[in-house]
Each structure stands twice: as structure tokens, then as C-alpha cells.
PDB file of N, CA and C in Angstrom:
ATOM      1  N   MET A   1      53.814 -35.633  28.680  1.00  0.00           N
ATOM      2  CA  MET A   1      52.867 -36.318  29.528  1.00  0.00           C
ATOM      3  C   MET A   1      53.502 -37.621  30.007  1.00  0.00           C
ATOM      4  N   LYS A   2      53.302 -37.948  31.267  1.00  0.00           N
ATOM      5  CA  LYS A   2      53.849 -39.177  31.827  1.00  0.00           C
ATOM      6  C   LYS A   2      53.145 -40.384  31.229  1.00  0.00           C
ATOM      7  N   LYS A   3      53.834 -41.525  31.238  1.00  0.00           N
ATOM      8  CA  LYS A   3      53.251 -42.752  30.690  1.00  0.00           C
ATOM      9  C   LYS A   3      52.007 -43.172  31.465  1.00  0.00           C
ATOM     10  N   THR A   4      52.004 -42.986  32.782  1.00  0.00           N
ATOM     11  CA  THR A   4      50.835 -43.378  33.579  1.00  0.00           C
ATOM     12  C   THR A   4      49.643 -42.497  33.255  1.00  0.00           C
ATOM     13  N   ASN A   5      49.875 -41.197  33.077  1.00  0.00           N
ATOM     14  CA  ASN A   5      48.782 -40.295  32.719  1.00  0.00           C
ATOM     15  C   ASN A   5      48.217 -40.636  31.345  1.00  0.00           C
ATOM     16  N   LEU A   6      49.096 -40.982  30.438  1.00  0.00           N
ATOM     17  CA  LEU A   6      48.673 -41.350  29.095  1.00  0.00           C
ATOM     18  C   LEU A   6      47.845 -42.627  29.120  1.00  0.00           C
ATOM     19  N   ALA A   7      48.252 -43.590  29.916  1.00  0.00           N
ATOM     20  CA  ALA A   7      47.514 -44.853  30.029  1.00  0.00           C
ATOM     21  C   ALA A   7      46.146 -44.625  30.649  1.00  0.00           C
ATOM     22  N   VAL A   8      46.082 -43.807  31.682  1.00  0.00           N
ATOM     23  CA  VAL A   8      44.801 -43.503  32.328  1.00  0.00           C
ATOM     24  C   VAL A   8      43.888 -42.765  31.359  1.00  0.00           C
ATOM     25  N   ALA A   9      44.414 -41.809  30.625  1.00  0.00           N
ATOM     26  CA  ALA A   9      43.609 -41.065  29.658  1.00  0.00           C
ATOM     27  C   ALA A   9      43.077 -41.987  28.569  1.00  0.00           C
ATOM     28  N   ALA A  10      43.894 -42.921  28.108  1.00  0.00           N
ATOM     29  CA  ALA A  10      43.451 -43.866  27.083  1.00  0.00           C
ATOM     30  C   ALA A  10      42.365 -44.785  27.631  1.00  0.00           C
ATOM     31  N   ALA A  11      42.507 -45.228  28.869  1.00  0.00           N
ATOM     32  CA  ALA A  11      41.509 -46.109  29.483  1.00  0.00           C
ATOM     33  C   ALA A  11      40.176 -45.388  29.665  1.00  0.00           C
ATOM     34  N   VAL A  12      40.222 -44.165  30.140  1.00  0.00           N
ATOM     35  CA  VAL A  12      38.996 -43.388  30.337  1.00  0.00           C
ATOM     36  C   VAL A  12      38.313 -43.121  29.001  1.00  0.00           C
ATOM     37  N   THR A  13      39.081 -42.772  27.993  1.00  0.00           N
ATOM     38  CA  THR A  13      38.515 -42.526  26.660  1.00  0.00           C
ATOM     39  C   THR A  13      37.850 -43.789  26.124  1.00  0.00           C
ATOM     40  N   GLY A  14      38.481 -44.932  26.318  1.00  0.00           N
ATOM     41  CA  GLY A  14      37.898 -46.196  25.873  1.00  0.00           C
ATOM     42  C   GLY A  14      36.603 -46.514  26.586  1.00  0.00           C
ATOM     43  N   LEU A  15      36.564 -46.290  27.904  1.00  0.00           N
ATOM     44  CA  LEU A  15      35.344 -46.540  28.661  1.00  0.00           C
ATOM     45  C   LEU A  15      34.212 -45.610  28.238  1.00  0.00           C
ATOM     46  N   LEU A  16      34.538 -44.358  27.977  1.00  0.00           N
ATOM     47  CA  LEU A  16      33.520 -43.422  27.505  1.00  0.00           C
ATOM     48  C   LEU A  16      32.967 -43.833  26.150  1.00  0.00           C
ATOM     49  N   ALA A  17      33.832 -44.310  25.275  1.00  0.00           N
ATOM     50  CA  ALA A  17      33.387 -44.748  23.951  1.00  0.00           C
ATOM     51  C   ALA A  17      32.472 -45.956  24.060  1.00  0.00           C
ATOM     52  N   VAL A  18      32.828 -46.913  24.900  1.00  0.00           N
ATOM     53  CA  VAL A  18      31.988 -48.102  25.085  1.00  0.00           C
ATOM     54  C   VAL A  18      30.656 -47.717  25.705  1.00  0.00           C
ATOM     55  N   GLY A  19      30.693 -46.840  26.694  1.00  0.00           N
ATOM     56  CA  GLY A  19      29.456 -46.387  27.332  1.00  0.00           C
ATOM     57  C   GLY A  19      28.538 -45.661  26.370  1.00  0.00           C
ATOM     58  N   ALA A  20      29.091 -44.838  25.516  1.00  0.00           N
ATOM     59  CA  ALA A  20      28.280 -44.095  24.550  1.00  0.00           C
ATOM     60  C   ALA A  20      27.615 -45.026  23.547  1.00  0.00           C
ATOM     61  N   THR A  21      28.302 -46.067  23.144  1.00  0.00           N
ATOM     62  CA  THR A  21      27.705 -46.979  22.163  1.00  0.00           C
ATOM     63  C   THR A  21      26.609 -47.837  22.789  1.00  0.00           C
ATOM     64  N   THR A  22      26.706 -48.139  24.077  1.00  0.00           N
ATOM     65  CA  THR A  22      25.661 -48.948  24.704  1.00  0.00           C
ATOM     66  C   THR A  22      24.423 -48.129  25.017  1.00  0.00           C
ATOM     67  N   LEU A  23      24.549 -46.807  25.134  1.00  0.00           N
ATOM     68  CA  LEU A  23      23.407 -45.964  25.439  1.00  0.00           C
ATOM     69  C   LEU A  23      22.590 -45.577  24.213  1.00  0.00           C
ATOM     70  N   THR A  24      23.172 -45.674  23.050  1.00  0.00           N
ATOM     71  CA  THR A  24      22.456 -45.285  21.843  1.00  0.00           C
ATOM     72  C   THR A  24      21.616 -46.453  21.342  1.00  0.00           C
ATOM     73  N   THR A  25      20.436 -46.132  20.846  1.00  0.00           N
ATOM     74  CA  THR A  25      19.582 -47.150  20.258  1.00  0.00           C
ATOM     75  C   THR A  25      19.230 -46.733  18.845  1.00  0.00           C
ATOM     76  N   THR A  26      19.059 -47.693  17.994  1.00  0.00           N
ATOM     77  CA  THR A  26      18.663 -47.401  16.626  1.00  0.00           C
ATOM     78  C   THR A  26      17.147 -47.339  16.553  1.00  0.00           C
ATOM     79  N   PRO A  27      16.589 -46.736  15.520  1.00  0.00           N
ATOM     80  CA  PRO A  27      15.132 -46.720  15.377  1.00  0.00           C
ATOM     81  C   PRO A  27      14.537 -48.133  15.327  1.00  0.00           C
ATOM     82  N   ALA A  28      15.255 -49.080  14.781  1.00  0.00           N
ATOM     83  CA  ALA A  28      14.755 -50.454  14.719  1.00  0.00           C
ATOM     84  C   ALA A  28      14.621 -51.036  16.122  1.00  0.00           C
ATOM     85  N   GLN A  29      15.566 -50.730  17.015  1.00  0.00           N
ATOM     86  CA  GLN A  29      15.484 -51.221  18.383  1.00  0.00           C
ATOM     87  C   GLN A  29      14.325 -50.565  19.113  1.00  0.00           C
ATOM     88  N   ALA A  30      14.107 -49.279  18.885  1.00  0.00           N
ATOM     89  CA  ALA A  30      13.012 -48.582  19.534  1.00  0.00           C
ATOM     90  C   ALA A  30      11.673 -49.119  19.055  1.00  0.00           C
ATOM     91  N   ALA A  31      11.587 -49.519  17.809  1.00  0.00           N
ATOM     92  CA  ALA A  31      10.344 -50.050  17.260  1.00  0.00           C
ATOM     93  C   ALA A  31      10.022 -51.428  17.823  1.00  0.00           C
ATOM     94  N   GLU A  32      10.993 -52.102  18.391  1.00  0.00           N
ATOM     95  CA  GLU A  32      10.782 -53.434  18.938  1.00  0.00           C
ATOM     96  C   GLU A  32      10.336 -53.396  20.388  1.00  0.00           C
ATOM     97  N   LYS A  33       9.945 -52.251  20.891  1.00  0.00           N
ATOM     98  CA  LYS A  33       9.483 -52.082  22.269  1.00  0.00           C
ATOM     99  C   LYS A  33       8.033 -51.610  22.260  1.00  0.00           C
ATOM    100  N   GLU A  34       7.340 -51.862  23.367  1.00  0.00           N
ATOM    101  CA  GLU A  34       5.969 -51.386  23.495  1.00  0.00           C
ATOM    102  C   GLU A  34       5.663 -51.091  24.965  1.00  0.00           C
ATOM    103  N   LYS A  35       4.674 -50.250  25.187  1.00  0.00           N
ATOM    104  CA  LYS A  35       4.224 -49.959  26.538  1.00  0.00           C
ATOM    105  C   LYS A  35       3.303 -51.076  26.985  1.00  0.00           C
ATOM    106  N   CYS A  36       3.469 -51.517  28.228  1.00  0.00           N
ATOM    107  CA  CYS A  36       2.613 -52.567  28.782  1.00  0.00           C
ATOM    108  C   CYS A  36       1.994 -52.038  30.079  1.00  0.00           C
ATOM    109  N   TYR A  37       0.700 -51.850  30.055  1.00  0.00           N
ATOM    110  CA  TYR A  37      -0.035 -51.307  31.192  1.00  0.00           C
ATOM    111  C   TYR A  37      -0.559 -52.426  32.086  1.00  0.00           C
ATOM    112  N   GLY A  38      -0.672 -52.140  33.386  1.00  0.00           N
ATOM    113  CA  GLY A  38      -1.318 -53.046  34.318  1.00  0.00           C
ATOM    114  C   GLY A  38      -0.443 -54.143  34.892  1.00  0.00           C
ATOM    115  N   VAL A  39       0.843 -54.130  34.646  1.00  0.00           N
ATOM    116  CA  VAL A  39       1.712 -55.190  35.173  1.00  0.00           C
ATOM    117  C   VAL A  39       2.823 -54.650  36.073  1.00  0.00           C
ATOM    118  N   VAL A  40       2.861 -53.363  36.287  1.00  0.00           N
ATOM    119  CA  VAL A  40       3.958 -52.723  37.007  1.00  0.00           C
ATOM    120  C   VAL A  40       3.782 -52.860  38.516  1.00  0.00           C
ATOM    121  N   LYS A  41       4.892 -53.119  39.206  1.00  0.00           N
ATOM    122  CA  LYS A  41       4.892 -53.101  40.668  1.00  0.00           C
ATOM    123  C   LYS A  41       4.877 -51.647  41.132  1.00  0.00           C
ATOM    124  N   ALA A  42       4.388 -51.406  42.323  1.00  0.00           N
ATOM    125  CA  ALA A  42       4.324 -50.051  42.864  1.00  0.00           C
ATOM    126  C   ALA A  42       5.698 -49.401  42.849  1.00  0.00           C
ATOM    127  N   GLY A  43       5.757 -48.197  42.302  1.00  0.00           N
ATOM    128  CA  GLY A  43       6.995 -47.433  42.268  1.00  0.00           C
ATOM    129  C   GLY A  43       7.962 -47.825  41.165  1.00  0.00           C
ATOM    130  N   LYS A  44       7.568 -48.685  40.241  1.00  0.00           N
ATOM    131  CA  LYS A  44       8.473 -49.152  39.189  1.00  0.00           C
ATOM    132  C   LYS A  44       8.017 -48.758  37.789  1.00  0.00           C
ATOM    133  N   ASN A  45       7.047 -47.851  37.663  1.00  0.00           N
ATOM    134  CA  ASN A  45       6.554 -47.448  36.347  1.00  0.00           C
ATOM    135  C   ASN A  45       7.597 -46.634  35.592  1.00  0.00           C
ATOM    136  N   ASP A  46       7.494 -46.632  34.262  1.00  0.00           N
ATOM    137  CA  ASP A  46       8.468 -45.955  33.419  1.00  0.00           C
ATOM    138  C   ASP A  46       8.162 -44.490  33.151  1.00  0.00           C
ATOM    139  N   CYS A  47       6.940 -44.052  33.324  1.00  0.00           N
ATOM    140  CA  CYS A  47       6.605 -42.667  33.004  1.00  0.00           C
ATOM    141  C   CYS A  47       5.407 -42.220  33.835  1.00  0.00           C
ATOM    142  N   ALA A  48       4.976 -40.990  33.615  1.00  0.00           N
ATOM    143  CA  ALA A  48       3.862 -40.430  34.369  1.00  0.00           C
ATOM    144  C   ALA A  48       2.573 -41.205  34.126  1.00  0.00           C
ATOM    145  N   THR A  49       1.686 -41.149  35.100  1.00  0.00           N
ATOM    146  CA  THR A  49       0.358 -41.756  34.984  1.00  0.00           C
ATOM    147  C   THR A  49      -0.682 -40.652  35.161  1.00  0.00           C
ATOM    148  N   ALA A  50      -1.939 -41.025  35.123  1.00  0.00           N
ATOM    149  CA  ALA A  50      -2.995 -40.035  35.322  1.00  0.00           C
ATOM    150  C   ALA A  50      -2.990 -39.491  36.748  1.00  0.00           C
ATOM    151  N   THR A  51      -2.462 -40.272  37.690  1.00  0.00           N
ATOM    152  CA  THR A  51      -2.492 -39.863  39.092  1.00  0.00           C
ATOM    153  C   THR A  51      -1.111 -39.541  39.664  1.00  0.00           C
ATOM    154  N   SER A  52      -0.059 -39.677  38.875  1.00  0.00           N
ATOM    155  CA  SER A  52       1.287 -39.341  39.352  1.00  0.00           C
ATOM    156  C   SER A  52       2.043 -38.612  38.243  1.00  0.00           C
ATOM    157  N   SER A  53       3.051 -37.852  38.640  1.00  0.00           N
ATOM    158  CA  SER A  53       3.681 -36.942  37.693  1.00  0.00           C
ATOM    159  C   SER A  53       4.968 -37.425  37.048  1.00  0.00           C
ATOM    160  N   CYS A  54       5.556 -38.523  37.512  1.00  0.00           N
ATOM    161  CA  CYS A  54       6.816 -38.940  36.905  1.00  0.00           C
ATOM    162  C   CYS A  54       7.074 -40.431  37.101  1.00  0.00           C
ATOM    163  N   ALA A  55       8.145 -40.900  36.503  1.00  0.00           N
ATOM    164  CA  ALA A  55       8.510 -42.312  36.588  1.00  0.00           C
ATOM    165  C   ALA A  55       8.780 -42.704  38.032  1.00  0.00           C
ATOM    166  N   GLY A  56       8.438 -43.938  38.362  1.00  0.00           N
ATOM    167  CA  GLY A  56       8.709 -44.465  39.690  1.00  0.00           C
ATOM    168  C   GLY A  56       7.761 -43.990  40.761  1.00  0.00           C
ATOM    169  N   THR A  57       6.588 -43.486  40.374  1.00  0.00           N
ATOM    170  CA  THR A  57       5.664 -42.947  41.371  1.00  0.00           C
ATOM    171  C   THR A  57       4.304 -43.637  41.385  1.00  0.00           C
ATOM    172  N   SER A  58       4.170 -44.785  40.735  1.00  0.00           N
ATOM    173  CA  SER A  58       2.885 -45.489  40.820  1.00  0.00           C
ATOM    174  C   SER A  58       2.673 -45.923  42.266  1.00  0.00           C
ATOM    175  N   THR A  59       1.427 -45.915  42.691  1.00  0.00           N
ATOM    176  CA  THR A  59       1.138 -46.113  44.109  1.00  0.00           C
ATOM    177  C   THR A  59       0.734 -47.530  44.490  1.00  0.00           C
ATOM    178  N   LYS A  60       0.383 -48.370  43.508  1.00  0.00           N
ATOM    179  CA  LYS A  60      -0.004 -49.742  43.841  1.00  0.00           C
ATOM    180  C   LYS A  60       0.413 -50.696  42.735  1.00  0.00           C
ATOM    181  N   ASP A  61       0.517 -51.953  43.070  1.00  0.00           N
ATOM    182  CA  ASP A  61       0.832 -52.980  42.087  1.00  0.00           C
ATOM    183  C   ASP A  61      -0.289 -53.080  41.067  1.00  0.00           C
ATOM    184  N   ALA A  62       0.059 -53.366  39.819  1.00  0.00           N
ATOM    185  CA  ALA A  62      -0.888 -53.575  38.723  1.00  0.00           C
ATOM    186  C   ALA A  62      -1.803 -52.373  38.492  1.00  0.00           C
ATOM    187  N   GLN A  63      -1.302 -51.172  38.740  1.00  0.00           N
ATOM    188  CA  GLN A  63      -2.070 -49.955  38.490  1.00  0.00           C
ATOM    189  C   GLN A  63      -2.381 -49.873  37.001  1.00  0.00           C
ATOM    190  N   LYS A  64      -3.628 -49.699  36.642  1.00  0.00           N
ATOM    191  CA  LYS A  64      -4.078 -49.801  35.254  1.00  0.00           C
ATOM    192  C   LYS A  64      -3.549 -48.703  34.337  1.00  0.00           C
ATOM    193  N   ASP A  65      -3.176 -47.537  34.871  1.00  0.00           N
ATOM    194  CA  ASP A  65      -2.678 -46.460  34.015  1.00  0.00           C
ATOM    195  C   ASP A  65      -1.156 -46.315  34.072  1.00  0.00           C
ATOM    196  N   ALA A  66      -0.465 -47.209  34.775  1.00  0.00           N
ATOM    197  CA  ALA A  66       0.998 -47.181  34.853  1.00  0.00           C
ATOM    198  C   ALA A  66       1.553 -48.217  33.882  1.00  0.00           C
ATOM    199  N   PHE A  67       2.632 -47.844  33.178  1.00  0.00           N
ATOM    200  CA  PHE A  67       3.196 -48.773  32.211  1.00  0.00           C
ATOM    201  C   PHE A  67       4.685 -48.967  32.408  1.00  0.00           C
ATOM    202  N   VAL A  68       5.174 -50.037  31.814  1.00  0.00           N
ATOM    203  CA  VAL A  68       6.592 -50.319  31.722  1.00  0.00           C
ATOM    204  C   VAL A  68       6.855 -50.681  30.261  1.00  0.00           C
ATOM    205  N   VAL A  69       8.008 -50.295  29.728  1.00  0.00           N
ATOM    206  CA  VAL A  69       8.351 -50.600  28.343  1.00  0.00           C
ATOM    207  C   VAL A  69       8.972 -51.993  28.290  1.00  0.00           C
ATOM    208  N   VAL A  70       8.423 -52.841  27.435  1.00  0.00           N
ATOM    209  CA  VAL A  70       8.871 -54.226  27.299  1.00  0.00           C
ATOM    210  C   VAL A  70       9.116 -54.544  25.825  1.00  0.00           C
ATOM    211  N   PRO A  71       9.822 -55.630  25.545  1.00  0.00           N
ATOM    212  CA  PRO A  71       9.992 -56.036  24.148  1.00  0.00           C
ATOM    213  C   PRO A  71       8.634 -56.324  23.498  1.00  0.00           C
ATOM    214  N   LYS A  72       8.515 -55.972  22.228  1.00  0.00           N
ATOM    215  CA  LYS A  72       7.260 -56.151  21.493  1.00  0.00           C
ATOM    216  C   LYS A  72       6.799 -57.606  21.555  1.00  0.00           C
ATOM    217  N   GLY A  73       5.538 -57.819  21.882  1.00  0.00           N
ATOM    218  CA  GLY A  73       4.951 -59.146  21.953  1.00  0.00           C
ATOM    219  C   GLY A  73       4.923 -59.739  23.355  1.00  0.00           C
ATOM    220  N   LEU A  74       5.721 -59.215  24.263  1.00  0.00           N
ATOM    221  CA  LEU A  74       5.771 -59.760  25.623  1.00  0.00           C
ATOM    222  C   LEU A  74       4.536 -59.390  26.423  1.00  0.00           C
ATOM    223  N   CYS A  75       4.018 -58.199  26.243  1.00  0.00           N
ATOM    224  CA  CYS A  75       2.887 -57.729  27.040  1.00  0.00           C
ATOM    225  C   CYS A  75       1.676 -58.648  26.911  1.00  0.00           C
ATOM    226  N   ASP A  76       1.427 -59.156  25.718  1.00  0.00           N
ATOM    227  CA  ASP A  76       0.277 -60.042  25.511  1.00  0.00           C
ATOM    228  C   ASP A  76       0.405 -61.334  26.296  1.00  0.00           C
ATOM    229  N   ARG A  77       1.624 -61.723  26.634  1.00  0.00           N
ATOM    230  CA  ARG A  77       1.839 -62.974  27.370  1.00  0.00           C
ATOM    231  C   ARG A  77       1.866 -62.788  28.876  1.00  0.00           C
ATOM    232  N   LEU A  78       1.846 -61.544  29.358  1.00  0.00           N
ATOM    233  CA  LEU A  78       1.865 -61.286  30.798  1.00  0.00           C
ATOM    234  C   LEU A  78       0.452 -61.230  31.344  1.00  0.00           C
ATOM    235  N   VAL A  79       0.229 -61.834  32.486  1.00  0.00           N
ATOM    236  CA  VAL A  79      -1.088 -61.815  33.111  1.00  0.00           C
ATOM    237  C   VAL A  79      -1.430 -60.384  33.505  1.00  0.00           C
ATOM    238  N   GLY A  80      -2.547 -59.892  33.029  1.00  0.00           N
ATOM    239  CA  GLY A  80      -2.995 -58.542  33.326  1.00  0.00           C
ATOM    240  C   GLY A  80      -2.410 -57.487  32.402  1.00  0.00           C
ATOM    241  N   GLY A  81      -1.525 -57.882  31.487  1.00  0.00           N
ATOM    242  CA  GLY A  81      -0.896 -56.935  30.589  1.00  0.00           C
ATOM    243  C   GLY A  81      -1.837 -56.446  29.497  1.00  0.00           C
ATOM    244  N   SER A  82      -1.733 -55.156  29.194  1.00  0.00           N
ATOM    245  CA  SER A  82      -2.570 -54.546  28.163  1.00  0.00           C
ATOM    246  C   SER A  82      -1.763 -53.500  27.421  1.00  0.00           C
ATOM    247  N   GLY A  83      -2.017 -53.369  26.143  1.00  0.00           N
ATOM    248  CA  GLY A  83      -1.339 -52.364  25.317  1.00  0.00           C
ATOM    249  C   GLY A  83      -1.926 -50.979  25.459  1.00  0.00           C
ATOM    250  N   THR A  84      -3.036 -50.855  26.169  1.00  0.00           N
ATOM    251  CA  THR A  84      -3.678 -49.560  26.361  1.00  0.00           C
ATOM    252  C   THR A  84      -4.001 -49.360  27.845  1.00  0.00           C
ATOM    253  N   ALA A  85      -4.028 -48.109  28.281  1.00  0.00           N
ATOM    254  CA  ALA A  85      -4.388 -47.796  29.659  1.00  0.00           C
ATOM    255  C   ALA A  85      -5.883 -47.966  29.843  1.00  0.00           C
ATOM    256  N   SER A  86      -6.271 -48.497  30.965  1.00  0.00           N
ATOM    257  CA  SER A  86      -7.708 -48.696  31.238  1.00  0.00           C
ATOM    258  C   SER A  86      -8.290 -47.481  31.890  1.00  0.00           C
TER     259      SER A  86
END
């Protein structure tokens, strides 16, 4: 194998390893998140709502059944934020 090919292969392998570690979350990190309803801008929701079938399909700002995942404790400090869908 040529030295340039070896260097490129090593660089790509390193980038894949770094990318894989940033995408994984531990259970402790997942537990530090919560759903926050009523604060999402139109089209920025994280998951399905009662009136739409998938993420990014909320139709209006502050839609009461659309949520975004935020760090635990932040939702209570946001105006209009609620831990439950209305």
C-alpha cells in the first residue's frame, strides 16, 4: 500500500472513531434530558404530535402538543414550557 493511501486510511479511521464516540450517549446523559411542550417554533419539534406524524412537522409556534428535548430543569424556566402535553 502506498504511503498516501495508508495516511488517508488512518485519517478516515480516526474520524470515524471520533464520530462514533460523539454519537453515543450513556444512560446517565439520557436521564438528564426531558421533553418540553409548548415552546417549539413551527417545524422544529423533535417527534410526532397529535396532529402531525413526524419530527419537524409542527404547524405553529408554541403548539401545545409539540415538544423539544432539553436538559433537565430547563423547561420549567422557559415561558410557556410544560413537562406534559396540554
